[in-house]
Protein backbone atom coordinates (compact mmCIF):
# COMPACT_ATOMS: atom_id res chain seq x y z
CA MET A 1 -9.52 -24.86 -18.13
CA THR A 2 -8.08 -25.60 -14.15
CA TYR A 3 -5.03 -23.68 -12.84
CA VAL A 4 -2.61 -26.30 -13.64
CA ASN A 5 -3.42 -26.61 -17.16
CA TRP A 6 -3.42 -22.69 -17.62
CA ILE A 7 -0.01 -21.96 -16.37
CA VAL A 8 1.29 -24.99 -18.72
CA GLU A 9 -0.80 -23.89 -21.55
CA ARG A 10 0.84 -20.19 -21.27
CA ASN A 11 4.18 -21.28 -20.12
CA GLU A 12 3.66 -23.29 -23.61
CA ARG A 13 3.07 -20.51 -25.45
CA ARG A 14 5.95 -18.27 -24.27
CA GLY A 15 8.46 -21.48 -24.92
CA ARG A 16 9.61 -21.55 -20.93
CA GLN A 17 9.08 -23.95 -18.23
CA MET A 18 7.19 -23.41 -15.28
CA THR A 19 8.62 -21.41 -12.54
CA PRO A 20 9.88 -23.91 -9.84
CA LYS A 21 8.18 -23.08 -6.63
CA ALA A 22 10.81 -21.24 -3.70
CA GLN A 23 12.03 -23.82 -1.44
CA PRO A 24 11.46 -23.36 2.60
CA ARG A 25 14.40 -20.92 3.52
CA GLU A 26 16.80 -22.63 6.21
CA LYS A 27 16.97 -21.08 10.04
CA ARG A 28 16.72 -17.43 9.29
CA GLU A 29 19.37 -15.19 10.23
CA LYS A 30 18.11 -12.64 12.69
CA LYS A 31 20.45 -9.71 12.13
CA LYS A 32 19.16 -6.78 11.48
CA ASP A 33 20.15 -6.74 7.58
CA ALA A 34 18.40 -9.71 6.90
CA VAL A 35 14.63 -7.67 7.66
CA ILE A 36 15.15 -4.21 6.90
CA HIS A 37 17.14 -4.24 3.43
CA PRO A 38 16.97 -2.58 -0.19
CA LEU A 39 14.52 -4.31 -2.46
CA SER A 40 14.57 -4.15 -6.17
CA ILE A 41 10.87 -4.38 -7.65
CA GLY A 42 11.91 -4.70 -11.53
CA ASN A 43 14.39 -2.51 -12.39
CA VAL A 44 13.61 -0.12 -9.57
CA THR A 45 15.63 -0.56 -6.50
CA LEU A 46 13.99 0.84 -3.17
CA ALA A 47 16.12 2.33 -0.14
CA ASN A 48 14.74 0.18 1.87
CA ASN A 49 11.46 -2.27 2.23
CA LEU A 50 9.47 -0.33 4.56
CA ILE A 51 6.46 0.73 2.10
CA LEU A 52 3.13 2.65 2.82
CA GLY A 53 0.39 0.96 1.80
CA PRO A 54 -2.56 2.67 -0.74
CA MET A 55 -5.53 3.97 1.61
CA ALA A 56 -8.12 5.50 -0.20
CA GLY A 57 -9.22 9.03 1.32
CA VAL A 58 -5.78 8.71 3.40
CA CYS A 59 -2.51 8.69 0.52
CA ASP A 60 -2.95 11.85 -0.85
CA LEU A 61 0.33 13.89 -2.12
CA PRO A 62 1.12 15.82 0.99
CA PHE A 63 0.76 12.46 3.75
CA ARG A 64 2.57 10.44 0.98
CA LEU A 65 5.30 13.52 0.95
CA LEU A 66 5.82 12.83 4.56
CA CYS A 67 6.11 9.46 4.84
CA HIS A 68 8.76 9.51 2.40
CA GLU A 69 9.95 12.06 4.39
CA GLN A 70 10.30 9.83 7.55
CA GLY A 71 11.93 7.02 5.33
CA ALA A 72 9.19 4.85 3.68
CA GLY A 73 10.96 2.99 0.69
CA LEU A 74 8.36 3.13 -1.47
CA VAL A 75 4.89 5.43 -0.96
CA CYS A 76 1.81 4.31 -2.49
CA THR A 77 -1.72 5.98 -3.75
CA GLU A 78 -4.98 6.17 -3.46
CA MET A 79 -6.55 3.54 -5.91
CA VAL A 80 -7.45 5.21 -9.50
CA SER A 81 -10.10 3.42 -11.14
CA ALA A 82 -8.92 2.82 -14.84
CA LYS A 83 -12.83 3.47 -16.00
CA ALA A 84 -12.43 7.23 -14.28
CA ILE A 85 -8.76 7.64 -16.23
CA ALA A 86 -10.72 6.37 -19.59
CA TYR A 87 -13.99 8.88 -19.23
CA ASN A 88 -11.40 11.84 -17.86
CA ASN A 89 -13.16 12.25 -14.57
CA ARG A 90 -12.11 15.40 -13.15
CA ASN A 91 -11.44 13.84 -9.85
CA THR A 92 -8.69 11.05 -11.26
CA GLY A 93 -6.34 14.52 -11.99
CA GLU A 94 -5.77 15.55 -8.38
CA LEU A 95 -5.42 11.32 -7.48
CA LEU A 96 -2.27 11.05 -10.65
CA THR A 97 -0.48 13.96 -9.40
CA VAL A 98 3.12 12.83 -8.04
CA SER A 99 5.80 15.09 -7.28
CA ASP A 100 9.31 13.98 -7.85
CA GLU A 101 10.50 14.64 -4.05
CA GLU A 102 8.45 11.80 -2.99
CA ARG A 103 9.56 9.33 -5.35
CA PRO A 104 9.47 6.39 -5.60
CA VAL A 105 6.16 6.27 -5.84
CA SER A 106 3.80 3.40 -7.11
CA LEU A 107 0.56 4.22 -8.82
CA GLN A 108 -2.58 1.99 -7.86
CA ILE A 109 -5.38 1.08 -10.60
CA PHE A 110 -7.98 -1.18 -10.01
CA GLY A 111 -11.19 -2.36 -12.76
CA SER A 112 -11.91 -5.67 -14.21
CA ASP A 113 -11.35 -5.32 -17.92
CA PRO A 114 -8.32 -6.74 -19.33
CA LYS A 115 -8.19 -4.27 -22.26
CA LEU A 116 -9.38 -1.15 -21.04
CA MET A 117 -7.12 -1.86 -17.87
CA ALA A 118 -3.89 -2.10 -20.29
CA ASP A 119 -5.16 0.64 -22.67
CA GLN A 120 -4.67 3.14 -19.27
CA ALA A 121 -2.15 1.59 -18.30
CA ARG A 122 -0.33 2.85 -20.88
CA ARG A 123 -1.58 6.06 -21.50
CA ILE A 124 -0.30 7.14 -18.03
CA GLU A 125 3.12 5.45 -17.88
CA PRO A 126 4.41 8.95 -18.99
CA LEU A 127 3.12 10.35 -15.48
CA HIS A 128 5.85 10.09 -13.08
CA TRP A 129 5.25 7.52 -10.76
CA ASP A 130 7.89 4.29 -10.82
CA ILE A 131 5.71 1.08 -10.57
CA LEU A 132 1.90 0.26 -11.01
CA ASP A 133 -0.14 -1.31 -9.01
CA ILE A 134 -2.86 -3.23 -9.75
CA ASN A 135 -5.71 -3.51 -6.56
CA MET A 136 -7.18 -7.17 -6.41
CA GLY A 137 -8.00 -6.75 -2.57
CA CYS A 138 -10.47 -3.56 -2.27
CA PRO A 139 -13.59 -5.05 -0.22
CA VAL A 140 -15.61 -2.05 0.02
CA PRO A 141 -19.11 -2.92 -1.61
CA LYS A 142 -18.93 -0.40 -3.98
CA VAL A 143 -16.02 -1.49 -5.90
CA PHE A 144 -16.36 -5.45 -4.93
CA ASN A 145 -20.25 -5.54 -6.34
CA ASN A 146 -18.57 -4.48 -9.39
CA GLY A 147 -16.34 -7.23 -9.93
CA ASP A 148 -13.19 -5.00 -9.31
CA GLY A 149 -10.54 -4.75 -5.91
CA SER A 150 -11.09 -8.37 -4.11
CA ALA A 151 -13.97 -9.82 -6.21
CA LEU A 152 -11.25 -11.05 -8.98
CA LEU A 153 -10.06 -13.30 -6.37
CA LYS A 154 -12.92 -15.14 -7.67
CA ASP A 155 -11.85 -15.55 -10.68
CA PRO A 156 -8.09 -16.42 -10.87
CA LEU A 157 -7.88 -16.61 -14.52
CA LEU A 158 -9.68 -13.27 -15.45
CA ALA A 159 -7.30 -11.91 -12.85
CA GLY A 160 -4.03 -13.70 -14.85
CA ARG A 161 -5.31 -12.22 -17.94
CA ILE A 162 -6.02 -9.05 -16.80
CA ILE A 163 -2.28 -9.11 -15.43
CA GLU A 164 -0.76 -9.94 -18.18
CA ALA A 165 -1.89 -7.75 -20.73
CA VAL A 166 -1.42 -4.73 -17.99
CA ALA A 167 2.39 -5.94 -17.87
CA ASN A 168 2.56 -6.14 -21.92
CA ALA A 169 1.30 -2.50 -22.62
CA ILE A 170 3.99 -1.05 -19.88
CA GLY A 171 7.81 -0.81 -19.59
CA LYS A 172 7.53 -0.28 -15.93
CA PRO A 173 7.15 -2.49 -13.02
CA LEU A 174 3.23 -4.03 -12.34
CA THR A 175 2.54 -5.35 -8.59
CA VAL A 176 -0.50 -6.87 -7.48
CA LYS A 177 -1.97 -6.38 -4.10
CA ILE A 178 -4.16 -9.15 -2.70
CA ARG A 179 -6.00 -10.83 0.05
CA LEU A 180 -6.03 -14.13 1.80
CA GLY A 181 -9.37 -15.23 -0.82
CA ILE A 182 -12.52 -13.87 -0.32
CA SER A 183 -13.54 -16.03 2.69
CA ALA A 184 -11.94 -18.43 5.05
CA ASP A 185 -13.70 -21.14 3.53
CA SER A 186 -11.88 -19.92 -0.06
CA ILE A 187 -8.07 -18.95 0.90
CA ASN A 188 -6.59 -18.80 -3.05
CA CYS A 189 -4.02 -16.16 -2.29
CA ALA A 190 -1.01 -19.03 -3.23
CA GLU A 191 -2.86 -19.86 -6.51
CA VAL A 192 -3.66 -15.98 -7.38
CA ALA A 193 0.08 -14.54 -6.82
CA HIS A 194 1.57 -17.46 -8.71
CA ILE A 195 -0.76 -16.26 -11.37
CA ALA A 196 0.34 -13.27 -10.57
CA GLN A 197 3.88 -14.41 -11.21
CA GLU A 198 3.70 -16.17 -14.33
CA SER A 199 1.16 -13.35 -15.73
CA GLY A 200 4.20 -11.18 -15.63
CA ALA A 201 3.93 -9.11 -12.14
CA ALA A 202 7.52 -8.12 -10.05
CA ALA A 203 6.30 -8.70 -6.73
CA VAL A 204 2.67 -9.14 -4.80
CA THR A 205 2.14 -7.85 -2.06
CA VAL A 206 -0.65 -9.65 0.60
CA HIS A 207 -2.81 -8.35 3.12
CA GLY A 208 -3.47 -11.48 5.50
CA ARG A 209 -7.17 -11.04 6.01
CA THR A 210 -10.00 -12.75 3.58
CA ARG A 211 -12.25 -10.09 2.17
CA ASP A 212 -15.03 -10.88 4.00
CA GLN A 213 -12.72 -10.08 7.17
CA PHE A 214 -12.39 -6.31 6.12
CA TYR A 215 -10.06 -5.19 8.36
CA MET A 216 -11.68 -7.37 11.58
CA GLY A 217 -9.73 -9.64 13.26
CA ARG A 218 -6.54 -10.58 13.29
CA ALA A 219 -3.75 -11.01 9.92
CA ASP A 220 -3.25 -14.58 9.42
CA TRP A 221 0.69 -14.15 8.74
CA GLU A 222 0.83 -18.06 8.27
CA GLN A 223 -1.07 -17.91 4.43
CA ILE A 224 1.48 -14.69 3.85
CA ALA A 225 4.63 -17.61 4.82
CA ARG A 226 2.63 -19.75 2.04
CA VAL A 227 2.21 -17.15 -0.32
CA LYS A 228 6.36 -16.68 -0.08
CA ARG A 229 6.91 -20.26 0.00
CA ALA A 230 5.18 -20.43 -3.53
CA VAL A 231 6.75 -17.67 -5.60
CA SER A 232 9.95 -16.44 -6.33
CA ILE A 233 9.02 -12.75 -6.84
CA PRO A 234 9.41 -10.56 -3.95
CA VAL A 235 6.17 -11.03 -1.66
CA ILE A 236 5.36 -7.97 0.58
CA GLY A 237 3.39 -9.10 4.21
CA ASN A 238 0.60 -6.81 5.58
CA GLY A 239 -1.88 -6.46 8.03
CA ASP A 240 -1.11 -5.57 11.83
CA ILE A 241 2.41 -3.75 11.38
CA THR A 242 2.45 -1.30 14.16
CA GLY A 243 6.09 -1.25 14.78
CA PRO A 244 9.47 -2.81 14.74
CA THR A 245 8.67 -5.93 17.09
CA ASP A 246 5.83 -6.56 14.21
CA VAL A 247 8.27 -6.41 11.32
CA GLN A 248 10.41 -8.55 12.93
CA ALA A 249 7.65 -10.94 14.05
CA MET A 250 6.69 -10.98 10.47
CA TYR A 251 9.84 -11.80 9.36
CA GLU A 252 10.65 -14.97 11.34
CA GLN A 253 7.32 -16.52 10.76
CA THR A 254 6.80 -15.59 7.09
CA GLY A 255 10.51 -14.41 5.25
CA VAL A 256 8.80 -11.61 3.72
CA ASP A 257 10.74 -9.33 1.03
CA GLY A 258 8.79 -6.15 2.04
CA TYR A 259 6.59 -4.81 4.97
CA MET A 260 3.32 -2.77 4.01
CA ILE A 261 2.40 -0.44 6.59
CA ALA A 262 -1.49 1.25 6.09
CA ARG A 263 -3.50 1.86 9.19
CA GLY A 264 -0.29 2.04 11.33
CA ALA A 265 1.12 4.95 9.78
CA GLN A 266 -2.26 7.39 9.70
CA GLY A 267 -1.50 10.53 12.22
CA ASN A 268 1.91 8.55 12.82
CA PRO A 269 4.25 8.44 9.95
CA TRP A 270 6.75 8.68 11.80
CA ILE A 271 6.55 4.89 12.39
CA PHE A 272 8.94 4.55 9.28
CA ARG A 273 11.63 6.43 11.09
CA GLN A 274 10.88 4.07 14.08
CA ILE A 275 11.40 1.01 12.25
CA LEU A 276 14.47 2.15 10.53
CA HIS A 277 15.71 3.58 13.93
CA CYS A 278 15.40 0.30 15.95
CA PHE A 279 17.17 -1.66 13.18
CA GLN A 280 19.82 0.48 12.30
CA GLU A 281 20.79 1.66 15.90
CA GLY A 282 18.87 -1.08 18.31
CA GLU A 283 17.00 0.60 20.35
CA GLU A 284 13.56 2.41 20.12
CA LEU A 285 13.13 5.79 18.96
CA LEU A 286 10.71 7.90 21.22
CA ARG A 287 7.18 9.48 20.25
CA PRO A 288 7.41 12.60 19.11
CA SER A 289 7.11 15.39 21.30
CA ALA A 290 3.50 17.40 21.14
CA ARG A 291 5.53 20.21 19.39
CA GLU A 292 6.93 18.20 16.55
CA MET A 293 3.44 16.16 16.02
CA CYS A 294 1.95 19.70 16.13
CA ALA A 295 4.10 21.01 13.14
CA LEU A 296 3.95 17.60 10.95
CA MET A 297 0.10 17.83 11.32
CA LEU A 298 0.05 21.87 10.20
CA ARG A 299 2.48 21.03 7.39
CA GLN A 300 0.52 18.78 6.39
CA ALA A 301 -3.28 20.76 6.39
CA ARG A 302 -0.50 23.48 4.81
CA MET A 303 -0.05 21.65 2.06
CA MET A 304 -3.66 19.59 1.81
CA CYS A 305 -4.76 23.24 1.10
CA ASP A 306 -2.45 24.82 -1.17
CA LEU A 307 -2.91 21.63 -2.79
CA LYS A 308 -7.15 21.18 -3.07
CA GLY A 309 -8.29 24.46 -1.83
CA GLU A 310 -8.12 25.87 1.90
CA HIS A 311 -12.55 24.50 1.99
CA THR A 312 -11.46 20.69 0.82
CA GLY A 313 -8.15 20.73 2.54
CA ILE A 314 -9.97 21.72 6.00
CA ARG A 315 -12.27 19.41 6.15
CA GLN A 316 -10.08 16.93 4.87
CA ILE A 317 -7.45 17.14 7.45
CA ARG A 318 -9.55 16.78 10.72
CA LYS A 319 -9.53 13.09 10.25
CA HIS A 320 -5.96 13.16 10.15
CA ALA A 321 -5.94 15.87 13.35
CA ALA A 322 -7.91 12.63 14.79
CA TRP A 323 -5.32 10.56 14.22
CA TYR A 324 -2.51 12.44 15.27
CA THR A 325 -4.15 13.40 18.82
CA ALA A 326 -5.46 10.09 19.79
CA GLY A 327 -4.09 9.20 23.00
CA TYR A 328 -3.39 12.76 24.05
CA PRO A 329 -5.43 13.90 26.99
CA GLY A 330 -8.46 15.62 26.28
CA SER A 331 -8.23 14.80 22.58
CA ALA A 332 -12.47 14.01 22.63
CA ARG A 333 -12.81 17.64 22.95
CA LEU A 334 -9.95 18.53 20.72
CA ARG A 335 -11.65 16.60 18.24
CA GLY A 336 -15.13 17.97 18.63
CA LEU A 337 -13.16 21.45 17.94
CA VAL A 338 -11.12 21.00 14.88
CA ASN A 339 -14.81 19.83 13.30
CA GLU A 340 -15.70 23.47 13.95
CA VAL A 341 -12.70 25.06 12.43
CA GLN A 342 -13.00 26.46 8.97
CA THR A 343 -9.22 28.16 8.10
CA TYR A 344 -6.01 26.92 8.36
CA GLU A 345 -5.16 30.31 10.60
CA ALA A 346 -8.14 28.92 12.97
CA LEU A 347 -6.91 25.13 12.74
CA GLU A 348 -3.29 26.89 13.65
CA GLU A 349 -4.59 28.84 16.81
CA LEU A 350 -6.52 25.70 18.31
CA PHE A 351 -3.50 23.65 17.93
CA ARG A 352 -0.92 26.17 19.33
CA GLU A 353 -3.02 27.20 22.04
CA TYR A 354 -4.18 23.60 23.15
CA PHE A 355 -0.61 22.34 23.47
CA ALA A 356 1.01 25.45 24.17
CA VAL A 357 3.34 25.41 21.36
């Protein structure tokens, strides 16, 4: 069955016409409120359209909370396997933990079995997340080779069945995160986005790279613009956003409704505050002082230790500490010292002595 036939047949079953493609925008306004603004996804309205992207091993509760406090309009969890939820995997409890203090929160799941995905989405709906996201963009081999994540871009019709099954199973808004395609020769993001829309997705996020690129090379924003023209649901752009200038440039090139920031927030939860300040006040916000950086990093470390235990928390904060201190004099030596730290007290002492705060 072709993509067009699939859409027609599905809409006939629903008794409605195909959703027309969104018309290209006229010359876009450059006013600040055209770029940064509240964003509605289904029945959830975000205070602004800056979104912390889901990152495995990074977006735990402490980091999400900091990004929320720094102005992110929505924060996303690490991806959670639907199979792991079904099997009551002991590690999923932490991944599913959401605090009211960080809301609104998008919880991301992945899998390739429509019924399993729908059943587990229904099962976890009583938890305190606000939006459910399906990962159809993860490029890592252990996910891709299992037919999950970005592998679903090879089978848009299966992707549509998954989205429809999950959308029908829950009452909260459903979103989908995709890439441009598997490779440069098989870019199909606009097709997949339209299927997502017709299957019940309330918004779609597009990472401007193919699966084969992983995180290399530049994100192709023009392909994101193609998706924006192909659907009427909100489109969130992702890839190579590191500050206010990138947000403005992505808006002008693509007209997207929101901006997802992932690696740009690593060791830099202030990025959301910096972008908001720039568009609200018309000036750039200076990089936080060493004192402010130390205080926030140590607060994150303390929260991680409280949540996961000191042994795990200290080991997991090490990569964050490397990101926080990148660019400071002697940061390479400091990273080596951080890797030897075994307790929170030792970490605090090291940073306070190193930065004289």
